PDB file of all heavy atoms in Angstrom:
ATOM      1  N   ALA A   1      82.347 178.227 121.562  1.00  0.00           N
ATOM      2  CA  ALA A   1      83.487 177.220 121.692  1.00  0.00           C
ATOM      3  C   ALA A   1      83.192 176.257 122.882  1.00  0.00           C
ATOM      4  O   ALA A   1      82.466 176.626 123.759  1.00  0.00           O
ATOM      5  CB  ALA A   1      84.739 178.003 121.953  1.00  0.00           C
ATOM      6  N   GLY A   2      83.795 175.088 122.759  1.00  0.00           N
ATOM      7  CA  GLY A   2      83.667 174.136 123.879  1.00  0.00           C
ATOM      8  C   GLY A   2      82.475 173.313 123.880  1.00  0.00           C
ATOM      9  O   GLY A   2      82.271 172.513 124.840  1.00  0.00           O
ATOM     10  N   VAL A   3      81.549 173.426 122.854  1.00  0.00           N
ATOM     11  CA  VAL A   3      80.425 172.588 122.783  1.00  0.00           C
ATOM     12  C   VAL A   3      80.808 171.166 122.319  1.00  0.00           C
ATOM     13  O   VAL A   3      81.498 171.012 121.325  1.00  0.00           O
ATOM     14  CB  VAL A   3      79.327 173.204 121.775  1.00  0.00           C
ATOM     15  CG1 VAL A   3      78.132 172.221 121.645  1.00  0.00           C
ATOM     16  CG2 VAL A   3      79.003 174.565 122.188  1.00  0.00           C
ATOM     17  N   VAL A   4      80.331 170.147 123.099  1.00  0.00           N
ATOM     18  CA  VAL A   4      80.697 168.769 122.804  1.00  0.00           C
ATOM     19  C   VAL A   4      79.998 168.383 121.522  1.00  0.00           C
ATOM     20  O   VAL A   4      78.734 168.472 121.434  1.00  0.00           O
ATOM     21  CB  VAL A   4      80.314 167.806 123.882  1.00  0.00           C
ATOM     22  CG1 VAL A   4      80.589 166.362 123.542  1.00  0.00           C
ATOM     23  CG2 VAL A   4      81.058 168.207 125.152  1.00  0.00           C
ATOM     24  N   PRO A   5      80.710 167.981 120.437  1.00  0.00           N
ATOM     25  CA  PRO A   5      80.012 167.589 119.156  1.00  0.00           C
ATOM     26  C   PRO A   5      79.272 166.301 119.346  1.00  0.00           C
ATOM     27  O   PRO A   5      79.648 165.384 120.099  1.00  0.00           O
ATOM     28  CB  PRO A   5      81.209 167.442 118.209  1.00  0.00           C
ATOM     29  CG  PRO A   5      82.355 167.105 119.072  1.00  0.00           C
ATOM     30  CD  PRO A   5      82.094 167.874 120.409  1.00  0.00           C
ATOM     31  N   LYS A   6      78.140 166.218 118.587  1.00  0.00           N
ATOM     32  CA  LYS A   6      77.364 164.900 118.546  1.00  0.00           C
ATOM     33  C   LYS A   6      77.641 164.330 117.230  1.00  0.00           C
ATOM     34  O   LYS A   6      78.229 164.786 116.305  1.00  0.00           O
ATOM     35  CB  LYS A   6      75.884 165.328 118.649  1.00  0.00           C
ATOM     36  CG  LYS A   6      75.484 165.978 119.933  1.00  0.00           C
ATOM     37  CD  LYS A   6      74.003 166.315 119.993  1.00  0.00           C
ATOM     38  CE  LYS A   6      73.604 166.906 121.343  1.00  0.00           C
ATOM     39  NZ  LYS A   6      72.179 167.331 121.383  1.00  0.00           N
ATOM     40  N   GLN A   7      77.138 162.967 117.088  1.00  0.00           N
ATOM     41  CA  GLN A   7      77.378 162.280 115.837  1.00  0.00           C
ATOM     42  C   GLN A   7      76.718 163.057 114.689  1.00  0.00           C
ATOM     43  O   GLN A   7      75.576 163.566 114.718  1.00  0.00           O
ATOM     44  CB  GLN A   7      76.738 160.895 115.946  1.00  0.00           C
ATOM     45  CG  GLN A   7      76.800 160.143 114.666  1.00  0.00           C
ATOM     46  CD  GLN A   7      76.612 158.623 114.844  1.00  0.00           C
ATOM     47  OE1 GLN A   7      77.406 157.970 115.596  1.00  0.00           O
ATOM     48  NE2 GLN A   7      75.661 158.066 114.203  1.00  0.00           N
ATOM     49  N   GLY A   8      77.526 163.221 113.580  1.00  0.00           N
ATOM     50  CA  GLY A   8      77.065 164.027 112.474  1.00  0.00           C
ATOM     51  C   GLY A   8      77.571 165.413 112.532  1.00  0.00           C
ATOM     52  O   GLY A   8      77.297 166.208 111.622  1.00  0.00           O
ATOM     53  N   ASP A   9      78.207 165.858 113.671  1.00  0.00           N
ATOM     54  CA  ASP A   9      78.836 167.271 113.708  1.00  0.00           C
ATOM     55  C   ASP A   9      80.254 167.124 113.108  1.00  0.00           C
ATOM     56  O   ASP A   9      80.891 166.127 113.167  1.00  0.00           O
ATOM     57  CB  ASP A   9      78.847 167.682 115.160  1.00  0.00           C
ATOM     58  CG  ASP A   9      77.567 168.141 115.666  1.00  0.00           C
ATOM     59  OD1 ASP A   9      76.627 168.425 114.837  1.00  0.00           O
ATOM     60  OD2 ASP A   9      77.420 168.226 116.924  1.00  0.00           O
ATOM     61  N   PHE A  10      80.789 168.328 112.723  1.00  0.00           N
ATOM     62  CA  PHE A  10      82.102 168.421 112.341  1.00  0.00           C
ATOM     63  C   PHE A  10      83.021 168.381 113.617  1.00  0.00           C
ATOM     64  O   PHE A  10      82.748 169.110 114.615  1.00  0.00           O
ATOM     65  CB  PHE A  10      82.392 169.694 111.509  1.00  0.00           C
ATOM     66  CG  PHE A  10      81.888 169.680 110.143  1.00  0.00           C
ATOM     67  CD1 PHE A  10      80.490 170.131 109.877  1.00  0.00           C
ATOM     68  CD2 PHE A  10      82.595 169.089 109.133  1.00  0.00           C
ATOM     69  CE1 PHE A  10      79.984 169.987 108.638  1.00  0.00           C
ATOM     70  CE2 PHE A  10      81.982 168.980 107.850  1.00  0.00           C
ATOM     71  CZ  PHE A  10      80.715 169.426 107.550  1.00  0.00           C
ATOM     72  N   LEU A  11      84.000 167.587 113.610  1.00  0.00           N
ATOM     73  CA  LEU A  11      84.837 167.246 114.680  1.00  0.00           C
ATOM     74  C   LEU A  11      86.223 167.772 114.687  1.00  0.00           C
ATOM     75  O   LEU A  11      86.793 168.309 115.680  1.00  0.00           O
ATOM     76  CB  LEU A  11      84.878 165.724 114.884  1.00  0.00           C
ATOM     77  CG  LEU A  11      85.785 165.196 115.950  1.00  0.00           C
ATOM     78  CD1 LEU A  11      85.273 165.474 117.367  1.00  0.00           C
ATOM     79  CD2 LEU A  11      86.047 163.688 115.793  1.00  0.00           C
ATOM     80  N   TRP A  12      86.905 167.692 113.444  1.00  0.00           N
ATOM     81  CA  TRP A  12      88.312 167.919 113.356  1.00  0.00           C
ATOM     82  C   TRP A  12      88.637 168.330 111.897  1.00  0.00           C
ATOM     83  O   TRP A  12      87.867 168.054 111.002  1.00  0.00           O
ATOM     84  CB  TRP A  12      89.021 166.689 113.822  1.00  0.00           C
ATOM     85  CG  TRP A  12      90.516 166.719 113.844  1.00  0.00           C
ATOM     86  CD1 TRP A  12      91.356 165.932 113.173  1.00  0.00           C
ATOM     87  CD2 TRP A  12      91.375 167.519 114.687  1.00  0.00           C
ATOM     88  NE1 TRP A  12      92.717 166.189 113.486  1.00  0.00           N
ATOM     89  CE2 TRP A  12      92.731 167.225 114.416  1.00  0.00           C
ATOM     90  CE3 TRP A  12      91.089 168.551 115.561  1.00  0.00           C
ATOM     91  CZ2 TRP A  12      93.768 167.868 115.080  1.00  0.00           C
ATOM     92  CZ3 TRP A  12      92.122 169.226 116.275  1.00  0.00           C
ATOM     93  CH2 TRP A  12      93.481 168.840 115.932  1.00  0.00           C
ATOM     94  N   HIS A  13      89.791 168.943 111.689  1.00  0.00           N
ATOM     95  CA  HIS A  13      90.269 169.272 110.360  1.00  0.00           C
ATOM     96  C   HIS A  13      91.726 168.932 110.208  1.00  0.00           C
ATOM     97  O   HIS A  13      92.537 169.329 111.115  1.00  0.00           O
ATOM     98  CB  HIS A  13      90.051 170.731 110.010  1.00  0.00           C
ATOM     99  CG  HIS A  13      88.535 171.126 110.154  1.00  0.00           C
ATOM    100  ND1 HIS A  13      87.948 171.358 111.325  1.00  0.00           N
ATOM    101  CD2 HIS A  13      87.615 171.284 109.144  1.00  0.00           C
ATOM    102  CE1 HIS A  13      86.638 171.579 111.111  1.00  0.00           C
ATOM    103  NE2 HIS A  13      86.474 171.570 109.753  1.00  0.00           N
ATOM    104  N   GLU A  14      92.094 168.331 109.153  1.00  0.00           N
ATOM    105  CA  GLU A  14      93.566 168.086 108.899  1.00  0.00           C
ATOM    106  C   GLU A  14      93.949 168.578 107.384  1.00  0.00           C
ATOM    107  O   GLU A  14      93.176 168.409 106.526  1.00  0.00           O
ATOM    108  CB  GLU A  14      93.891 166.582 108.912  1.00  0.00           C
ATOM    109  CG  GLU A  14      93.825 166.035 110.288  1.00  0.00           C
ATOM    110  CD  GLU A  14      94.104 164.503 110.370  1.00  0.00           C
ATOM    111  OE1 GLU A  14      94.277 163.862 109.328  1.00  0.00           O
ATOM    112  OE2 GLU A  14      94.120 163.980 111.483  1.00  0.00           O
ATOM    113  N   LEU A  15      94.988 169.270 107.442  1.00  0.00           N
ATOM    114  CA  LEU A  15      95.558 169.723 106.091  1.00  0.00           C
ATOM    115  C   LEU A  15      96.502 168.548 105.643  1.00  0.00           C
ATOM    116  O   LEU A  15      97.492 168.294 106.252  1.00  0.00           O
ATOM    117  CB  LEU A  15      96.299 170.994 106.263  1.00  0.00           C
ATOM    118  CG  LEU A  15      97.038 171.470 104.970  1.00  0.00           C
ATOM    119  CD1 LEU A  15      96.073 171.727 103.839  1.00  0.00           C
ATOM    120  CD2 LEU A  15      97.965 172.673 105.250  1.00  0.00           C
ATOM    121  N   TRP A  16      96.129 167.920 104.527  1.00  0.00           N
ATOM    122  CA  TRP A  16      96.968 166.886 103.927  1.00  0.00           C
ATOM    123  C   TRP A  16      97.787 167.614 102.813  1.00  0.00           C
ATOM    124  O   TRP A  16      97.237 168.136 101.849  1.00  0.00           O
ATOM    125  CB  TRP A  16      96.153 165.761 103.387  1.00  0.00           C
ATOM    126  CG  TRP A  16      95.345 165.005 104.341  1.00  0.00           C
ATOM    127  CD1 TRP A  16      95.338 165.225 105.710  1.00  0.00           C
ATOM    128  CD2 TRP A  16      94.504 163.898 104.147  1.00  0.00           C
ATOM    129  NE1 TRP A  16      94.526 164.343 106.286  1.00  0.00           N
ATOM    130  CE2 TRP A  16      93.959 163.481 105.406  1.00  0.00           C
ATOM    131  CE3 TRP A  16      94.132 163.241 103.008  1.00  0.00           C
ATOM    132  CZ2 TRP A  16      93.096 162.437 105.541  1.00  0.00           C
ATOM    133  CZ3 TRP A  16      93.173 162.163 103.099  1.00  0.00           C
ATOM    134  CH2 TRP A  16      92.685 161.735 104.329  1.00  0.00           C
ATOM    135  N   THR A  17      99.055 167.774 103.055  1.00  0.00           N
ATOM    136  CA  THR A  17      99.923 168.701 102.274  1.00  0.00           C
ATOM    137  C   THR A  17     101.176 168.122 101.712  1.00  0.00           C
ATOM    138  O   THR A  17     101.731 167.192 102.374  1.00  0.00           O
ATOM    139  CB  THR A  17     100.133 169.991 103.058  1.00  0.00           C
ATOM    140  OG1 THR A  17     100.865 170.875 102.186  1.00  0.00           O
ATOM    141  CG2 THR A  17     100.895 169.691 104.283  1.00  0.00           C
ATOM    142  N   SER A  18     101.628 168.684 100.657  1.00  0.00           N
ATOM    143  CA  SER A  18     102.913 168.223 100.077  1.00  0.00           C
ATOM    144  C   SER A  18     104.105 168.786 100.814  1.00  0.00           C
ATOM    145  O   SER A  18     105.211 168.397 100.609  1.00  0.00           O
ATOM    146  CB  SER A  18     103.012 168.627  98.627  1.00  0.00           C
ATOM    147  OG  SER A  18     102.881 170.048  98.510  1.00  0.00           O
ATOM    148  N   ASP A  19     103.948 169.795 101.747  1.00  0.00           N
ATOM    149  CA  ASP A  19     105.054 170.385 102.431  1.00  0.00           C
ATOM    150  C   ASP A  19     104.535 170.857 103.826  1.00  0.00           C
ATOM    151  O   ASP A  19     104.105 172.034 104.020  1.00  0.00           O
ATOM    152  CB  ASP A  19     105.549 171.578 101.673  1.00  0.00           C
ATOM    153  CG  ASP A  19     106.957 172.070 102.235  1.00  0.00           C
ATOM    154  OD1 ASP A  19     107.233 171.898 103.409  1.00  0.00           O
ATOM    155  OD2 ASP A  19     107.623 172.761 101.458  1.00  0.00           O
ATOM    156  N   VAL A  20     104.624 169.852 104.813  1.00  0.00           N
ATOM    157  CA  VAL A  20     104.146 170.249 106.148  1.00  0.00           C
ATOM    158  C   VAL A  20     104.936 171.354 106.794  1.00  0.00           C
ATOM    159  O   VAL A  20     104.354 172.226 107.471  1.00  0.00           O
ATOM    160  CB  VAL A  20     104.340 168.975 107.056  1.00  0.00           C
ATOM    161  CG1 VAL A  20     104.034 169.295 108.530  1.00  0.00           C
ATOM    162  CG2 VAL A  20     103.404 167.827 106.517  1.00  0.00           C
ATOM    163  N   PHE A  21     106.234 171.444 106.499  1.00  0.00           N
ATOM    164  CA  PHE A  21     107.068 172.465 107.167  1.00  0.00           C
ATOM    165  C   PHE A  21     106.910 173.847 106.625  1.00  0.00           C
ATOM    166  O   PHE A  21     107.196 174.828 107.298  1.00  0.00           O
ATOM    167  CB  PHE A  21     108.588 172.062 107.185  1.00  0.00           C
ATOM    168  CG  PHE A  21     108.824 170.807 107.948  1.00  0.00           C
ATOM    169  CD1 PHE A  21     109.011 169.570 107.323  1.00  0.00           C
ATOM    170  CD2 PHE A  21     108.842 170.878 109.365  1.00  0.00           C
ATOM    171  CE1 PHE A  21     109.255 168.410 108.102  1.00  0.00           C
ATOM    172  CE2 PHE A  21     109.046 169.743 110.138  1.00  0.00           C
ATOM    173  CZ  PHE A  21     109.273 168.531 109.492  1.00  0.00           C
ATOM    174  N   ALA A  22     106.360 173.909 105.371  1.00  0.00           N
ATOM    175  CA  ALA A  22     106.015 175.242 104.836  1.00  0.00           C
ATOM    176  C   ALA A  22     104.642 175.649 105.190  1.00  0.00           C
ATOM    177  O   ALA A  22     104.323 176.795 105.470  1.00  0.00           O
ATOM    178  CB  ALA A  22     106.240 175.263 103.340  1.00  0.00           C
ATOM    179  N   ALA A  23     103.688 174.623 105.166  1.00  0.00           N
ATOM    180  CA  ALA A  23     102.263 174.925 105.415  1.00  0.00           C
ATOM    181  C   ALA A  23     101.997 175.311 106.790  1.00  0.00           C
ATOM    182  O   ALA A  23     101.156 176.197 107.161  1.00  0.00           O
ATOM    183  CB  ALA A  23     101.469 173.797 104.940  1.00  0.00           C
ATOM    184  N   SER A  24     102.649 174.638 107.778  1.00  0.00           N
ATOM    185  CA  SER A  24     102.296 174.917 109.223  1.00  0.00           C
ATOM    186  C   SER A  24     102.553 176.381 109.628  1.00  0.00           C
ATOM    187  O   SER A  24     101.664 176.985 110.187  1.00  0.00           O
ATOM    188  CB  SER A  24     103.183 173.976 110.090  1.00  0.00           C
ATOM    189  OG  SER A  24     102.924 172.663 109.763  1.00  0.00           O
ATOM    190  N   PRO A  25     103.678 177.060 109.336  1.00  0.00           N
ATOM    191  CA  PRO A  25     103.821 178.389 109.706  1.00  0.00           C
ATOM    192  C   PRO A  25     102.956 179.350 108.878  1.00  0.00           C
ATOM    193  O   PRO A  25     102.617 180.447 109.385  1.00  0.00           O
ATOM    194  CB  PRO A  25     105.386 178.633 109.488  1.00  0.00           C
ATOM    195  CG  PRO A  25     105.769 177.596 108.515  1.00  0.00           C
ATOM    196  CD  PRO A  25     104.949 176.437 108.798  1.00  0.00           C
TER     197      PRO A  25
END
């Protein structure tokens, strides 16, 4: 953990969802 990503590394993840309030918990 804590390694600074370089260009071409995976940086972040987002769940694009039809129900934010159900998916988050």
